[in-house]
């Protein structure tokens, strides 16, 4: 997920493991965000994950 709450599904799920079929339809879809900061994922944490963990 991006800091602006767009879901990203790694192509490596498909390429490396032929897995993740249930997630493909959600790629590049935006999440419905609840009001209130406490209910939202941290944009900083999402950015950290995207840069260091996500295998795009």
Protein backbone atom coordinates (compact mmCIF):
# COMPACT_ATOMS: atom_id res chain seq x y z
CA UNK A 1 0.00 0.00 0.00
CA UNK A 2 1.24 3.45 -0.84
CA UNK A 3 1.22 6.40 1.60
CA UNK A 4 -1.89 7.69 -0.19
CA UNK A 5 -3.66 4.37 0.59
CA UNK A 6 -3.44 2.77 -2.83
CA UNK A 7 -3.13 -1.01 -2.66
CA UNK A 8 -0.16 -2.46 -4.54
CA UNK A 9 0.23 -6.16 -5.28
CA UNK A 10 3.73 -7.32 -6.05
CA UNK A 11 4.27 -8.82 -9.51
CA UNK A 12 6.64 -11.22 -7.78
CA UNK A 13 3.68 -13.06 -6.28
CA UNK A 14 2.81 -14.08 -9.81
CA UNK A 15 6.31 -14.36 -11.26
CA UNK A 16 8.14 -16.13 -8.45
CA UNK A 17 5.43 -18.19 -6.79
CA UNK A 18 2.43 -18.17 -9.15
CA UNK A 19 0.43 -17.10 -6.13
CA UNK A 20 -1.75 -14.23 -4.94
CA UNK A 21 -4.60 -14.60 -7.44
CA UNK A 22 -7.15 -13.33 -4.95
CA UNK A 23 -5.18 -10.09 -4.54
CA UNK A 24 -4.69 -9.13 -8.20
CA UNK A 25 -8.09 -7.38 -8.56
CA UNK A 26 -7.14 -5.01 -5.72
CA UNK A 27 -3.91 -3.76 -7.31
CA UNK A 28 -3.96 0.04 -7.70
CA UNK A 29 -7.32 0.35 -5.91
CA UNK A 30 -7.67 3.04 -3.25
CA UNK A 31 -8.87 2.13 0.22
CA UNK A 32 -11.89 3.74 1.79
CA UNK A 33 -10.36 5.67 4.67
CA UNK A 34 -12.23 6.14 7.91
CA UNK A 35 -12.37 9.59 9.45
CA UNK A 36 -9.92 10.17 12.27
CA UNK A 37 -6.16 9.84 12.13
CA UNK A 38 -6.10 7.05 14.74
CA UNK A 39 -8.02 4.73 12.38
CA UNK A 40 -5.56 5.18 9.50
CA UNK A 41 -2.33 3.38 8.79
CA UNK A 42 0.69 5.59 9.27
CA UNK A 43 1.85 7.03 5.91
CA UNK A 44 5.42 6.91 7.21
CA UNK A 45 5.12 3.22 8.07
CA UNK A 46 3.60 2.48 4.68
CA UNK A 47 6.44 4.31 2.94
CA UNK A 48 9.03 2.41 5.03
CA UNK A 49 7.41 -0.90 4.06
CA UNK A 50 7.24 0.07 0.38
CA UNK A 51 10.93 1.02 0.31
CA UNK A 52 12.36 -1.83 2.38
CA UNK A 53 10.00 -4.81 2.21
CA UNK A 54 7.74 -4.60 -0.84
CA UNK A 55 9.22 -6.57 -3.71
CA UNK A 56 7.31 -4.71 -6.45
